[in-house]
Amino acid sequence: MKQKLKIIIDILMVGLVLGCSGYQLFSQALHEWLGAIALLTFIIHNILNRSWYRHLLKGHYTSIRCVYIIVNSLVVFTMLMQMISGIMMSRVVFDFLNMHYLISLARRMHILGAYWGFLLIGLHIGLHWHMCIHYYQKKVSHLMIPIPHFSFVLSALIAIYGFYAMIKRNFFTYLFLRNEFVFMDFQEPLLFFYLDYFMIIGLCIFISYYGIKLLRQVKGI
């Protein structure tokens, strides 16, 4: 039951993060409510995975474990950046807190947290992608015809397009804060926008999943 709850919360959280990514395509109120619910799912996610924090200072720090710790810690950091800055800029959900100061700093924090956090969440998913594969093999694969090496070829193509989508969506401009204002095409269909963002997540999953596999081979694990 707990494992199913974790899966539901994780899927919901990723969906909410994706929803928040297109904030200029929706109303301010909707963006803030999606962000507030994402905050709630993030808190629940960490409560359900609190054992990770309890064991953080225990055991040996292998290179692979260090990768997990660094990525997970950066995800937490960027999520906190988005939440704190989001509350500071809120005009709807948290407006009653009256924290409307240092807006310029909050906007910079929000952009950095949003774009770096989006990529880090993709890397985080990739580090746990073997669990998704195991679930697929156990629950779904018998319903489909297996195609040897198709998964790697498909994921590589997704990764290539994901990198192209990053360039197309000016990710590098916002990752390094070369522009403090995000511009979007309001005439673009939502399907195309979110397809690109899905592909960018796919790129991050590809990097971390196959990166860890390569590291395990090098270490002989």
N, C-alpha and C. Protein backbone atom coordinates (compact mmCIF):
# COMPACT_ATOMS: atom_id res chain seq x y z
N MET A 1 0.83 -1.21 0.00
CA MET A 1 0.00 0.00 0.00
C MET A 1 0.87 1.26 0.00
N LYS A 2 1.92 1.24 0.85
CA LYS A 2 2.81 2.40 0.93
C LYS A 2 3.53 2.63 -0.38
N GLN A 3 3.96 1.52 -1.04
CA GLN A 3 4.67 1.64 -2.30
C GLN A 3 3.76 2.23 -3.38
N LYS A 4 2.51 1.81 -3.41
CA LYS A 4 1.55 2.35 -4.38
C LYS A 4 1.32 3.84 -4.13
N LEU A 5 1.24 4.22 -2.84
CA LEU A 5 1.06 5.63 -2.50
C LEU A 5 2.25 6.45 -2.96
N LYS A 6 3.46 5.90 -2.80
CA LYS A 6 4.67 6.58 -3.26
C LYS A 6 4.62 6.83 -4.76
N ILE A 7 4.20 5.82 -5.51
CA ILE A 7 4.13 5.93 -6.97
C ILE A 7 3.13 7.00 -7.37
N ILE A 8 1.96 6.99 -6.71
CA ILE A 8 0.92 7.97 -7.03
C ILE A 8 1.40 9.39 -6.74
N ILE A 9 2.02 9.58 -5.58
CA ILE A 9 2.53 10.89 -5.19
C ILE A 9 3.61 11.36 -6.15
N ASP A 10 4.51 10.46 -6.53
CA ASP A 10 5.60 10.81 -7.43
C ASP A 10 5.08 11.22 -8.80
N ILE A 11 4.14 10.46 -9.34
CA ILE A 11 3.56 10.79 -10.65
C ILE A 11 2.83 12.12 -10.58
N LEU A 12 2.08 12.33 -9.49
CA LEU A 12 1.34 13.58 -9.32
C LEU A 12 2.30 14.76 -9.22
N MET A 13 3.40 14.58 -8.48
CA MET A 13 4.36 15.66 -8.29
C MET A 13 5.03 16.05 -9.61
N VAL A 14 5.43 15.04 -10.40
CA VAL A 14 6.04 15.31 -11.70
C VAL A 14 5.04 16.01 -12.62
N GLY A 15 3.79 15.56 -12.59
CA GLY A 15 2.75 16.19 -13.40
C GLY A 15 2.53 17.64 -13.02
N LEU A 16 2.57 17.93 -11.73
CA LEU A 16 2.38 19.30 -11.26
C LEU A 16 3.57 20.18 -11.65
N VAL A 17 4.77 19.62 -11.56
CA VAL A 17 5.96 20.38 -11.98
C VAL A 17 5.87 20.71 -13.46
N LEU A 18 5.44 19.74 -14.26
CA LEU A 18 5.25 19.98 -15.69
C LEU A 18 4.20 21.06 -15.91
N GLY A 19 3.11 20.97 -15.14
CA GLY A 19 2.05 21.97 -15.26
C GLY A 19 2.54 23.36 -14.94
N CYS A 20 3.35 23.46 -13.89
CA CYS A 20 3.88 24.77 -13.49
C CYS A 20 4.86 25.33 -14.52
N SER A 21 5.48 24.45 -15.31
CA SER A 21 6.47 24.90 -16.30
C SER A 21 5.86 25.83 -17.34
N GLY A 22 4.59 25.64 -17.64
CA GLY A 22 3.94 26.50 -18.61
C GLY A 22 3.14 27.61 -17.96
N TYR A 23 3.73 28.23 -16.95
CA TYR A 23 2.98 29.19 -16.12
C TYR A 23 2.43 30.37 -16.91
N GLN A 24 3.17 30.82 -17.93
CA GLN A 24 2.69 31.97 -18.69
C GLN A 24 1.52 31.60 -19.61
N LEU A 25 1.30 30.31 -19.77
CA LEU A 25 0.21 29.86 -20.64
C LEU A 25 -1.10 29.74 -19.88
N PHE A 26 -1.03 29.94 -18.54
CA PHE A 26 -2.22 29.84 -17.70
C PHE A 26 -2.35 31.12 -16.87
N SER A 27 -3.36 31.16 -16.03
CA SER A 27 -3.54 32.32 -15.17
C SER A 27 -2.59 32.26 -13.99
N GLN A 28 -2.35 33.42 -13.37
CA GLN A 28 -1.50 33.50 -12.19
C GLN A 28 -2.06 32.63 -11.07
N ALA A 29 -3.38 32.66 -10.91
CA ALA A 29 -4.02 31.89 -9.84
C ALA A 29 -3.80 30.40 -10.03
N LEU A 30 -3.99 29.91 -11.26
CA LEU A 30 -3.82 28.48 -11.52
C LEU A 30 -2.38 28.06 -11.28
N HIS A 31 -1.44 28.89 -11.73
CA HIS A 31 -0.02 28.57 -11.52
C HIS A 31 0.30 28.47 -10.02
N GLU A 32 -0.21 29.39 -9.25
CA GLU A 32 0.06 29.37 -7.80
C GLU A 32 -0.57 28.17 -7.12
N TRP A 33 -1.79 27.82 -7.52
CA TRP A 33 -2.44 26.66 -6.91
C TRP A 33 -1.74 25.36 -7.28
N LEU A 34 -1.29 25.27 -8.53
CA LEU A 34 -0.52 24.10 -8.93
C LEU A 34 0.78 24.02 -8.13
N GLY A 35 1.42 25.17 -7.94
CA GLY A 35 2.65 25.22 -7.15
C GLY A 35 2.42 24.84 -5.71
N ALA A 36 1.30 25.30 -5.13
CA ALA A 36 0.98 24.99 -3.73
C ALA A 36 0.73 23.49 -3.55
N ILE A 37 0.02 22.88 -4.53
CA ILE A 37 -0.23 21.44 -4.45
C ILE A 37 1.07 20.67 -4.65
N ALA A 38 1.95 21.18 -5.53
CA ALA A 38 3.26 20.56 -5.74
C ALA A 38 4.06 20.61 -4.45
N LEU A 39 3.96 21.72 -3.72
CA LEU A 39 4.63 21.85 -2.42
C LEU A 39 4.13 20.76 -1.46
N LEU A 40 2.83 20.54 -1.45
CA LEU A 40 2.24 19.53 -0.58
C LEU A 40 2.73 18.13 -0.96
N THR A 41 2.73 17.82 -2.26
CA THR A 41 3.20 16.50 -2.69
C THR A 41 4.69 16.32 -2.40
N PHE A 42 5.47 17.39 -2.50
CA PHE A 42 6.90 17.32 -2.19
C PHE A 42 7.11 16.99 -0.71
N ILE A 43 6.32 17.61 0.14
CA ILE A 43 6.41 17.33 1.58
C ILE A 43 6.03 15.89 1.87
N ILE A 44 4.93 15.42 1.25
CA ILE A 44 4.49 14.03 1.44
C ILE A 44 5.55 13.07 0.91
N HIS A 45 6.13 13.39 -0.24
CA HIS A 45 7.19 12.55 -0.83
C HIS A 45 8.35 12.38 0.14
N ASN A 46 8.75 13.47 0.76
CA ASN A 46 9.88 13.40 1.69
C ASN A 46 9.52 12.67 2.98
N ILE A 47 8.28 12.80 3.42
CA ILE A 47 7.84 12.05 4.61
C ILE A 47 7.84 10.55 4.32
N LEU A 48 7.34 10.17 3.15
CA LEU A 48 7.28 8.76 2.78
C LEU A 48 8.68 8.17 2.58
N ASN A 49 9.65 9.03 2.24
CA ASN A 49 11.02 8.57 2.01
C ASN A 49 11.97 9.06 3.10
N ARG A 50 11.43 9.27 4.28
CA ARG A 50 12.24 9.80 5.39
C ARG A 50 13.38 8.87 5.80
N SER A 51 13.26 7.58 5.48
CA SER A 51 14.33 6.63 5.83
C SER A 51 15.64 7.01 5.13
N TRP A 52 15.53 7.67 3.95
CA TRP A 52 16.75 8.10 3.24
C TRP A 52 17.54 9.08 4.08
N TYR A 53 16.83 9.98 4.78
CA TYR A 53 17.50 10.96 5.63
C TYR A 53 18.10 10.29 6.86
N ARG A 54 17.40 9.28 7.39
CA ARG A 54 17.90 8.59 8.59
C ARG A 54 19.20 7.85 8.31
N HIS A 55 19.36 7.35 7.10
CA HIS A 55 20.55 6.57 6.76
C HIS A 55 21.62 7.40 6.05
N LEU A 56 21.42 8.69 5.97
CA LEU A 56 22.31 9.55 5.20
C LEU A 56 23.74 9.53 5.72
N LEU A 57 23.91 9.46 7.01
CA LEU A 57 25.25 9.49 7.61
C LEU A 57 25.76 8.11 7.98
N LYS A 58 25.07 7.08 7.52
CA LYS A 58 25.48 5.71 7.83
C LYS A 58 26.06 5.03 6.59
N GLY A 59 26.90 4.03 6.83
CA GLY A 59 27.44 3.22 5.74
C GLY A 59 28.59 3.89 5.01
N HIS A 60 29.03 3.24 3.94
CA HIS A 60 30.16 3.72 3.15
C HIS A 60 29.68 4.64 2.02
N TYR A 61 30.51 5.61 1.71
CA TYR A 61 30.17 6.57 0.65
C TYR A 61 30.91 6.17 -0.63
N THR A 62 30.27 5.27 -1.39
CA THR A 62 30.83 4.88 -2.68
C THR A 62 30.56 6.00 -3.69
N SER A 63 31.22 5.91 -4.84
CA SER A 63 31.04 6.95 -5.87
C SER A 63 29.59 6.99 -6.34
N ILE A 64 28.97 5.82 -6.47
CA ILE A 64 27.57 5.77 -6.92
C ILE A 64 26.65 6.38 -5.87
N ARG A 65 26.90 6.05 -4.61
CA ARG A 65 26.07 6.62 -3.54
C ARG A 65 26.24 8.14 -3.49
N CYS A 66 27.43 8.62 -3.73
CA CYS A 66 27.67 10.07 -3.73
C CYS A 66 26.87 10.75 -4.83
N VAL A 67 26.77 10.11 -5.99
CA VAL A 67 25.97 10.67 -7.09
C VAL A 67 24.52 10.80 -6.66
N TYR A 68 24.00 9.75 -6.04
CA TYR A 68 22.61 9.79 -5.56
C TYR A 68 22.41 10.92 -4.55
N ILE A 69 23.34 11.03 -3.61
CA ILE A 69 23.21 12.04 -2.55
C ILE A 69 23.28 13.45 -3.14
N ILE A 70 24.21 13.68 -4.06
CA ILE A 70 24.36 15.00 -4.66
C ILE A 70 23.11 15.39 -5.44
N VAL A 71 22.64 14.49 -6.30
CA VAL A 71 21.44 14.79 -7.10
C VAL A 71 20.23 15.01 -6.21
N ASN A 72 20.00 14.12 -5.25
CA ASN A 72 18.85 14.25 -4.36
C ASN A 72 18.91 15.54 -3.54
N SER A 73 20.09 15.88 -3.05
CA SER A 73 20.25 17.09 -2.25
C SER A 73 19.98 18.34 -3.08
N LEU A 74 20.46 18.33 -4.32
CA LEU A 74 20.23 19.48 -5.20
C LEU A 74 18.75 19.61 -5.58
N VAL A 75 18.06 18.47 -5.72
CA VAL A 75 16.61 18.52 -5.98
C VAL A 75 15.90 19.20 -4.82
N VAL A 76 16.24 18.79 -3.60
CA VAL A 76 15.63 19.39 -2.41
C VAL A 76 15.93 20.89 -2.36
N PHE A 77 17.18 21.25 -2.64
CA PHE A 77 17.59 22.66 -2.59
C PHE A 77 16.83 23.50 -3.60
N THR A 78 16.74 23.02 -4.85
CA THR A 78 16.05 23.80 -5.88
C THR A 78 14.54 23.86 -5.63
N MET A 79 13.97 22.80 -5.08
CA MET A 79 12.55 22.82 -4.75
C MET A 79 12.28 23.85 -3.66
N LEU A 80 13.16 23.91 -2.67
CA LEU A 80 13.01 24.90 -1.60
C LEU A 80 13.16 26.31 -2.15
N MET A 81 14.07 26.49 -3.10
CA MET A 81 14.24 27.80 -3.75
C MET A 81 12.94 28.24 -4.42
N GLN A 82 12.32 27.30 -5.15
CA GLN A 82 11.07 27.64 -5.83
C GLN A 82 9.96 27.95 -4.84
N MET A 83 9.88 27.17 -3.78
CA MET A 83 8.80 27.35 -2.82
C MET A 83 8.92 28.66 -2.06
N ILE A 84 10.13 28.96 -1.57
CA ILE A 84 10.34 30.19 -0.82
C ILE A 84 10.11 31.41 -1.71
N SER A 85 10.70 31.38 -2.90
CA SER A 85 10.54 32.52 -3.82
C SER A 85 9.10 32.63 -4.30
N GLY A 86 8.45 31.48 -4.50
CA GLY A 86 7.05 31.49 -4.94
C GLY A 86 6.14 32.11 -3.90
N ILE A 87 6.38 31.79 -2.64
CA ILE A 87 5.59 32.38 -1.55
C ILE A 87 5.83 33.88 -1.47
N MET A 88 7.10 34.29 -1.67
CA MET A 88 7.43 35.71 -1.62
C MET A 88 6.72 36.50 -2.73
N MET A 89 6.54 35.87 -3.91
CA MET A 89 5.93 36.57 -5.04
C MET A 89 4.42 36.34 -5.14
N SER A 90 3.89 35.49 -4.28
CA SER A 90 2.48 35.10 -4.39
C SER A 90 1.52 36.28 -4.27
N ARG A 91 0.54 36.31 -5.18
CA ARG A 91 -0.51 37.32 -5.15
C ARG A 91 -1.88 36.69 -4.92
N VAL A 92 -1.92 35.37 -4.78
CA VAL A 92 -3.20 34.68 -4.64
C VAL A 92 -3.19 33.76 -3.43
N VAL A 93 -2.49 32.63 -3.52
CA VAL A 93 -2.56 31.58 -2.49
C VAL A 93 -1.95 32.03 -1.17
N PHE A 94 -0.76 32.63 -1.22
CA PHE A 94 -0.06 33.03 0.01
C PHE A 94 -0.03 34.55 0.17
N ASP A 95 -0.94 35.23 -0.47
CA ASP A 95 -0.98 36.69 -0.40
C ASP A 95 -1.19 37.19 1.03
N PHE A 96 -1.89 36.38 1.84
CA PHE A 96 -2.18 36.80 3.22
C PHE A 96 -0.92 36.90 4.08
N LEU A 97 0.18 36.28 3.64
CA LEU A 97 1.43 36.35 4.40
C LEU A 97 2.12 37.70 4.22
N ASN A 98 1.72 38.43 3.17
CA ASN A 98 2.25 39.77 2.93
C ASN A 98 3.78 39.79 2.91
N MET A 99 4.35 38.90 2.08
CA MET A 99 5.81 38.81 1.98
C MET A 99 6.30 39.42 0.67
N HIS A 100 5.67 40.49 0.23
CA HIS A 100 5.98 41.09 -1.07
C HIS A 100 7.19 42.02 -0.98
N TYR A 101 8.33 41.45 -0.71
CA TYR A 101 9.55 42.25 -0.69
C TYR A 101 10.67 41.44 -1.34
N LEU A 102 11.71 42.14 -1.74
CA LEU A 102 12.81 41.52 -2.46
C LEU A 102 12.31 40.74 -3.67
N ILE A 103 11.33 41.32 -4.39
CA ILE A 103 10.71 40.64 -5.52
C ILE A 103 11.73 40.32 -6.61
N SER A 104 12.66 41.24 -6.86
CA SER A 104 13.66 41.01 -7.89
C SER A 104 14.51 39.79 -7.56
N LEU A 105 14.94 39.67 -6.30
CA LEU A 105 15.72 38.51 -5.85
C LEU A 105 14.87 37.25 -5.94
N ALA A 106 13.61 37.35 -5.52
CA ALA A 106 12.71 36.19 -5.54
C ALA A 106 12.51 35.69 -6.97
N ARG A 107 12.40 36.62 -7.94
CA ARG A 107 12.21 36.22 -9.33
C ARG A 107 13.43 35.47 -9.84
N ARG A 108 14.63 35.95 -9.51
CA ARG A 108 15.85 35.25 -9.92
C ARG A 108 15.91 33.86 -9.30
N MET A 109 15.59 33.78 -8.02
CA MET A 109 15.58 32.48 -7.33
C MET A 109 14.59 31.52 -7.99
N HIS A 110 13.43 32.06 -8.36
CA HIS A 110 12.38 31.21 -8.92
C HIS A 110 12.77 30.66 -10.29
N ILE A 111 13.39 31.50 -11.11
CA ILE A 111 13.83 31.05 -12.43
C ILE A 111 14.92 30.00 -12.30
N LEU A 112 15.93 30.27 -11.47
CA LEU A 112 17.01 29.31 -11.28
C LEU A 112 16.49 28.00 -10.70
N GLY A 113 15.64 28.11 -9.66
CA GLY A 113 15.09 26.91 -9.04
C GLY A 113 14.23 26.11 -10.00
N ALA A 114 13.46 26.82 -10.83
CA ALA A 114 12.55 26.14 -11.75
C ALA A 114 13.31 25.39 -12.83
N TYR A 115 14.26 26.04 -13.49
CA TYR A 115 14.94 25.41 -14.62
C TYR A 115 15.96 24.37 -14.20
N TRP A 116 16.76 24.68 -13.16
CA TRP A 116 17.69 23.68 -12.66
C TRP A 116 16.93 22.55 -11.99
N GLY A 117 15.88 22.90 -11.26
CA GLY A 117 15.08 21.88 -10.58
C GLY A 117 14.43 20.93 -11.56
N PHE A 118 13.95 21.44 -12.69
CA PHE A 118 13.31 20.60 -13.70
C PHE A 118 14.29 19.55 -14.22
N LEU A 119 15.51 19.98 -14.52
CA LEU A 119 16.53 19.04 -15.02
C LEU A 119 16.93 18.05 -13.93
N LEU A 120 17.07 18.52 -12.72
CA LEU A 120 17.48 17.66 -11.62
C LEU A 120 16.42 16.61 -11.29
N ILE A 121 15.15 16.98 -11.42
CA ILE A 121 14.08 16.00 -11.21
C ILE A 121 14.18 14.90 -12.26
N GLY A 122 14.49 15.28 -13.51
CA GLY A 122 14.69 14.29 -14.55
C GLY A 122 15.85 13.36 -14.22
N LEU A 123 16.96 13.93 -13.74
CA LEU A 123 18.11 13.11 -13.34
C LEU A 123 17.74 12.20 -12.17
N HIS A 124 16.97 12.73 -11.23
CA HIS A 124 16.52 11.95 -10.08
C HIS A 124 15.68 10.75 -10.52
N ILE A 125 14.77 10.98 -11.47
CA ILE A 125 13.95 9.90 -12.00
C ILE A 125 14.83 8.85 -12.67
N GLY A 126 15.83 9.32 -13.42
CA GLY A 126 16.74 8.40 -14.10
C GLY A 126 17.50 7.51 -13.15
N LEU A 127 17.87 8.04 -11.99
CA LEU A 127 18.59 7.25 -10.99
C LEU A 127 17.73 6.10 -10.46
N HIS A 128 16.41 6.27 -10.55
CA HIS A 128 15.49 5.24 -10.07
C HIS A 128 14.73 4.58 -11.22
N TRP A 129 15.23 4.78 -12.44
CA TRP A 129 14.53 4.26 -13.62
C TRP A 129 14.49 2.73 -13.65
N HIS A 130 15.51 2.11 -13.03
CA HIS A 130 15.54 0.64 -13.00
C HIS A 130 14.31 0.09 -12.29
N MET A 131 13.76 0.85 -11.33
CA MET A 131 12.55 0.43 -10.64
C MET A 131 11.36 0.46 -11.59
N CYS A 132 11.32 1.47 -12.47
CA CYS A 132 10.25 1.56 -13.47
C CYS A 132 10.35 0.40 -14.45
N ILE A 133 11.58 0.07 -14.84
CA ILE A 133 11.79 -1.05 -15.77
C ILE A 133 11.36 -2.36 -15.13
N HIS A 134 11.72 -2.52 -13.86
CA HIS A 134 11.33 -3.74 -13.13
C HIS A 134 9.81 -3.86 -13.06
N TYR A 135 9.14 -2.75 -12.81
CA TYR A 135 7.67 -2.76 -12.74
C TYR A 135 7.11 -3.12 -14.11
N TYR A 136 7.68 -2.55 -15.16
CA TYR A 136 7.23 -2.84 -16.53
C TYR A 136 7.38 -4.33 -16.85
N GLN A 137 8.56 -4.87 -16.52
CA GLN A 137 8.83 -6.28 -16.80
C GLN A 137 7.90 -7.20 -16.02
N LYS A 138 7.53 -6.77 -14.82
CA LYS A 138 6.70 -7.60 -13.96
C LYS A 138 5.22 -7.50 -14.29
N LYS A 139 4.76 -6.30 -14.66
CA LYS A 139 3.33 -6.06 -14.80
C LYS A 139 2.84 -5.93 -16.25
N VAL A 140 3.70 -5.44 -17.15
CA VAL A 140 3.21 -5.03 -18.46
C VAL A 140 3.85 -5.79 -19.62
N SER A 141 5.13 -6.14 -19.51
CA SER A 141 5.87 -6.64 -20.66
C SER A 141 5.24 -7.86 -21.31
N HIS A 142 4.56 -8.69 -20.53
CA HIS A 142 3.96 -9.91 -21.09
C HIS A 142 2.80 -9.59 -22.03
N LEU A 143 2.31 -8.33 -21.98
CA LEU A 143 1.21 -7.93 -22.86
C LEU A 143 1.71 -7.39 -24.19
N MET A 144 3.04 -7.22 -24.32
CA MET A 144 3.59 -6.61 -25.52
C MET A 144 4.66 -7.51 -26.14
N ILE A 145 4.94 -7.28 -27.41
CA ILE A 145 5.98 -8.03 -28.10
C ILE A 145 7.32 -7.37 -27.83
N PRO A 146 8.25 -8.07 -27.20
CA PRO A 146 9.56 -7.47 -26.92
C PRO A 146 10.36 -7.22 -28.20
N ILE A 147 11.02 -6.08 -28.30
CA ILE A 147 11.85 -5.75 -29.45
C ILE A 147 13.27 -5.50 -28.94
N PRO A 148 14.21 -6.41 -29.21
CA PRO A 148 15.58 -6.28 -28.69
C PRO A 148 16.21 -4.93 -29.02
N HIS A 149 16.80 -4.31 -28.03
CA HIS A 149 17.54 -3.05 -28.16
C HIS A 149 16.67 -1.85 -28.53
N PHE A 150 15.37 -2.08 -28.68
CA PHE A 150 14.51 -0.97 -29.07
C PHE A 150 14.47 0.11 -28.00
N SER A 151 14.49 -0.29 -26.73
CA SER A 151 14.39 0.69 -25.66
C SER A 151 15.57 1.65 -25.66
N PHE A 152 16.80 1.14 -25.93
CA PHE A 152 17.97 2.01 -25.95
C PHE A 152 17.91 2.95 -27.16
N VAL A 153 17.57 2.43 -28.31
CA VAL A 153 17.49 3.25 -29.52
C VAL A 153 16.45 4.35 -29.34
N LEU A 154 15.29 3.97 -28.83
CA LEU A 154 14.21 4.94 -28.62
C LEU A 154 14.63 6.01 -27.61
N SER A 155 15.23 5.57 -26.50
CA SER A 155 15.63 6.53 -25.47
C SER A 155 16.74 7.45 -25.98
N ALA A 156 17.62 6.93 -26.83
CA ALA A 156 18.68 7.77 -27.41
C ALA A 156 18.09 8.84 -28.33
N LEU A 157 17.09 8.45 -29.12
CA LEU A 157 16.42 9.41 -30.00
C LEU A 157 15.69 10.48 -29.19
N ILE A 158 15.05 10.04 -28.10
CA ILE A 158 14.37 10.99 -27.21
C ILE A 158 15.39 11.96 -26.61
N ALA A 159 16.55 11.43 -26.21
CA ALA A 159 17.58 12.27 -25.61
C ALA A 159 18.10 13.31 -26.61
N ILE A 160 18.29 12.88 -27.84
CA ILE A 160 18.77 13.81 -28.88
C ILE A 160 17.76 14.93 -29.10
N TYR A 161 16.49 14.55 -29.22
CA TYR A 161 15.47 15.59 -29.40
C TYR A 161 15.35 16.45 -28.14
N GLY A 162 15.53 15.83 -26.98
CA GLY A 162 15.46 16.58 -25.72
C GLY A 162 16.50 17.67 -25.66
N PHE A 163 17.71 17.37 -26.16
CA PHE A 163 18.76 18.39 -26.18
C PHE A 163 18.39 19.51 -27.16
N TYR A 164 17.84 19.12 -28.30
CA TYR A 164 17.37 20.11 -29.27
C TYR A 164 16.28 20.99 -28.65
N ALA A 165 15.37 20.36 -27.89
CA ALA A 165 14.28 21.10 -27.24
C ALA A 165 14.82 22.09 -26.21
N MET A 166 15.90 21.72 -25.52
CA MET A 166 16.52 22.64 -24.56
C MET A 166 17.01 23.89 -25.25
N ILE A 167 17.62 23.71 -26.41
CA ILE A 167 18.10 24.86 -27.19
C ILE A 167 16.91 25.68 -27.70
N LYS A 168 15.93 24.97 -28.23
CA LYS A 168 14.74 25.61 -28.77
C LYS A 168 14.00 26.43 -27.72
N ARG A 169 13.95 25.92 -26.48
CA ARG A 169 13.23 26.58 -25.39
C ARG A 169 14.11 27.53 -24.57
N ASN A 170 15.32 27.80 -25.08
CA ASN A 170 16.24 28.75 -24.42
C ASN A 170 16.58 28.36 -22.98
N PHE A 171 16.68 27.06 -22.72
CA PHE A 171 16.98 26.60 -21.37
C PHE A 171 18.29 27.18 -20.85
N PHE A 172 19.31 27.20 -21.70
CA PHE A 172 20.63 27.63 -21.23
C PHE A 172 20.63 29.12 -20.87
N THR A 173 19.76 29.88 -21.50
CA THR A 173 19.63 31.30 -21.16
C THR A 173 19.16 31.45 -19.71
N TYR A 174 18.17 30.63 -19.33
CA TYR A 174 17.57 30.75 -18.00
C TYR A 174 18.37 29.99 -16.94
N LEU A 175 19.04 28.91 -17.34
CA LEU A 175 19.86 28.16 -16.38
C LEU A 175 20.99 29.03 -15.82
N PHE A 176 21.50 29.93 -16.65
CA PHE A 176 22.60 30.80 -16.23
C PHE A 176 22.15 32.25 -16.07
N LEU A 177 20.84 32.43 -15.97
CA LEU A 177 20.22 33.71 -15.65
C LEU A 177 20.69 34.84 -16.56
N ARG A 178 20.81 34.52 -17.83
CA ARG A 178 21.18 35.55 -18.80
C ARG A 178 19.98 36.42 -19.15
N ASN A 179 18.80 35.96 -18.74
CA ASN A 179 17.58 36.74 -18.91
C ASN A 179 16.67 36.46 -17.72
N GLU A 180 16.17 37.50 -17.07
CA GLU A 180 15.34 37.33 -15.88
C GLU A 180 13.86 37.21 -16.21
N PHE A 181 13.52 37.28 -17.48
CA PHE A 181 12.12 37.17 -17.89
C PHE A 181 11.98 36.06 -18.92
N VAL A 182 11.00 35.19 -18.69
CA VAL A 182 10.78 34.05 -19.58
C VAL A 182 9.72 34.42 -20.61
N PHE A 183 10.05 34.19 -21.87
CA PHE A 183 9.12 34.52 -22.95
C PHE A 183 8.63 33.24 -23.61
N MET A 184 7.32 33.16 -23.82
CA MET A 184 6.72 31.98 -24.43
C MET A 184 5.82 32.40 -25.59
N ASP A 185 5.60 31.45 -26.48
CA ASP A 185 4.72 31.68 -27.63
C ASP A 185 3.29 31.33 -27.21
N PHE A 186 2.45 32.34 -27.02
CA PHE A 186 1.09 32.10 -26.54
C PHE A 186 0.20 31.48 -27.62
N GLN A 187 0.66 31.49 -28.85
CA GLN A 187 -0.13 30.90 -29.94
C GLN A 187 0.19 29.42 -30.13
N GLU A 188 1.23 28.95 -29.47
CA GLU A 188 1.67 27.56 -29.65
C GLU A 188 0.71 26.60 -28.94
N PRO A 189 0.33 25.50 -29.60
CA PRO A 189 -0.52 24.50 -28.94
C PRO A 189 0.19 23.91 -27.72
N LEU A 190 -0.57 23.68 -26.66
CA LEU A 190 0.00 23.13 -25.42
C LEU A 190 0.66 21.78 -25.67
N LEU A 191 0.12 21.01 -26.61
CA LEU A 191 0.67 19.69 -26.89
C LEU A 191 2.13 19.78 -27.29
N PHE A 192 2.48 20.74 -28.15
CA PHE A 192 3.86 20.88 -28.61
C PHE A 192 4.77 21.34 -27.47
N PHE A 193 4.24 22.25 -26.65
CA PHE A 193 5.03 22.76 -25.52
C PHE A 193 5.38 21.63 -24.55
N TYR A 194 4.38 20.87 -24.16
CA TYR A 194 4.63 19.81 -23.17
C TYR A 194 5.34 18.61 -23.77
N LEU A 195 5.20 18.40 -25.06
CA LEU A 195 5.96 17.34 -25.71
C LEU A 195 7.45 17.63 -25.60
N ASP A 196 7.85 18.87 -25.83
CA ASP A 196 9.25 19.26 -25.70
C ASP A 196 9.75 19.06 -24.27
N TYR A 197 8.92 19.43 -23.31
CA TYR A 197 9.33 19.30 -21.91
C TYR A 197 9.44 17.83 -21.49
N PHE A 198 8.56 16.99 -22.02
CA PHE A 198 8.66 15.56 -21.78
C PHE A 198 9.97 15.02 -22.34
N MET A 199 10.34 15.49 -23.50
CA MET A 199 11.58 15.05 -24.14
C MET A 199 12.80 15.50 -23.35
N ILE A 200 12.73 16.69 -22.77
CA ILE A 200 13.85 17.18 -21.95
C ILE A 200 14.00 16.31 -20.70
N ILE A 201 12.89 15.93 -20.10
CA ILE A 201 12.95 15.00 -18.98
C ILE A 201 13.55 13.67 -19.44
N GLY A 202 13.15 13.24 -20.65
CA GLY A 202 13.70 12.01 -21.21
C GLY A 202 15.20 12.08 -21.38
N LEU A 203 15.71 13.24 -21.80
CA LEU A 203 17.15 13.45 -21.92
C LEU A 203 17.84 13.25 -20.57
N CYS A 204 17.28 13.84 -19.53
CA CYS A 204 17.88 13.75 -18.19
C CYS A 204 17.83 12.32 -17.66
N ILE A 205 16.72 11.64 -17.92
CA ILE A 205 16.61 10.24 -17.51
C ILE A 205 17.67 9.40 -18.22
N PHE A 206 17.84 9.64 -19.51
CA PHE A 206 18.84 8.91 -20.29
C PHE A 206 20.24 9.12 -19.72
N ILE A 207 20.57 10.37 -19.41
CA ILE A 207 21.91 10.69 -18.90
C ILE A 207 22.19 9.99 -17.57
N SER A 208 21.26 10.09 -16.63
CA SER A 208 21.52 9.52 -15.30
C SER A 208 21.40 8.00 -15.30
N TYR A 209 20.42 7.45 -16.03
CA TYR A 209 20.23 5.99 -16.03
C TYR A 209 21.43 5.28 -16.66
N TYR A 210 21.81 5.73 -17.86
CA TYR A 210 22.93 5.07 -18.53
C TYR A 210 24.27 5.51 -17.94
N GLY A 211 24.30 6.69 -17.35
CA GLY A 211 25.51 7.14 -16.66
C GLY A 211 25.82 6.25 -15.46
N ILE A 212 24.79 5.92 -14.69
CA ILE A 212 24.97 5.04 -13.53
C ILE A 212 25.33 3.62 -13.98
N LYS A 213 24.70 3.16 -15.08
CA LYS A 213 25.04 1.83 -15.60
C LYS A 213 26.51 1.78 -16.01
N LEU A 214 26.98 2.83 -16.66
CA LEU A 214 28.38 2.89 -17.08
C LEU A 214 29.30 2.92 -15.87
N LEU A 215 28.93 3.70 -14.86
CA LEU A 215 29.75 3.80 -13.65
C LEU A 215 29.82 2.45 -12.94
N ARG A 216 28.70 1.73 -12.92
CA ARG A 216 28.71 0.39 -12.30
C ARG A 216 29.62 -0.57 -13.05
N GLN A 217 29.64 -0.46 -14.37
CA GLN A 217 30.52 -1.32 -15.17
C GLN A 217 31.98 -0.99 -14.91
N VAL A 218 32.28 0.30 -14.82
CA VAL A 218 33.66 0.72 -14.55
C VAL A 218 34.12 0.24 -13.17
N LYS A 219 33.19 0.31 -12.20
CA LYS A 219 33.51 -0.12 -10.84
C LYS A 219 33.38 -1.62 -10.65
N GLY A 220 32.84 -2.30 -11.65
CA GLY A 220 32.69 -3.74 -11.56
C GLY A 220 31.62 -4.17 -10.58
N ILE A 221 30.56 -3.35 -10.46
CA ILE A 221 29.47 -3.65 -9.52
C ILE A 221 28.34 -4.39 -10.24
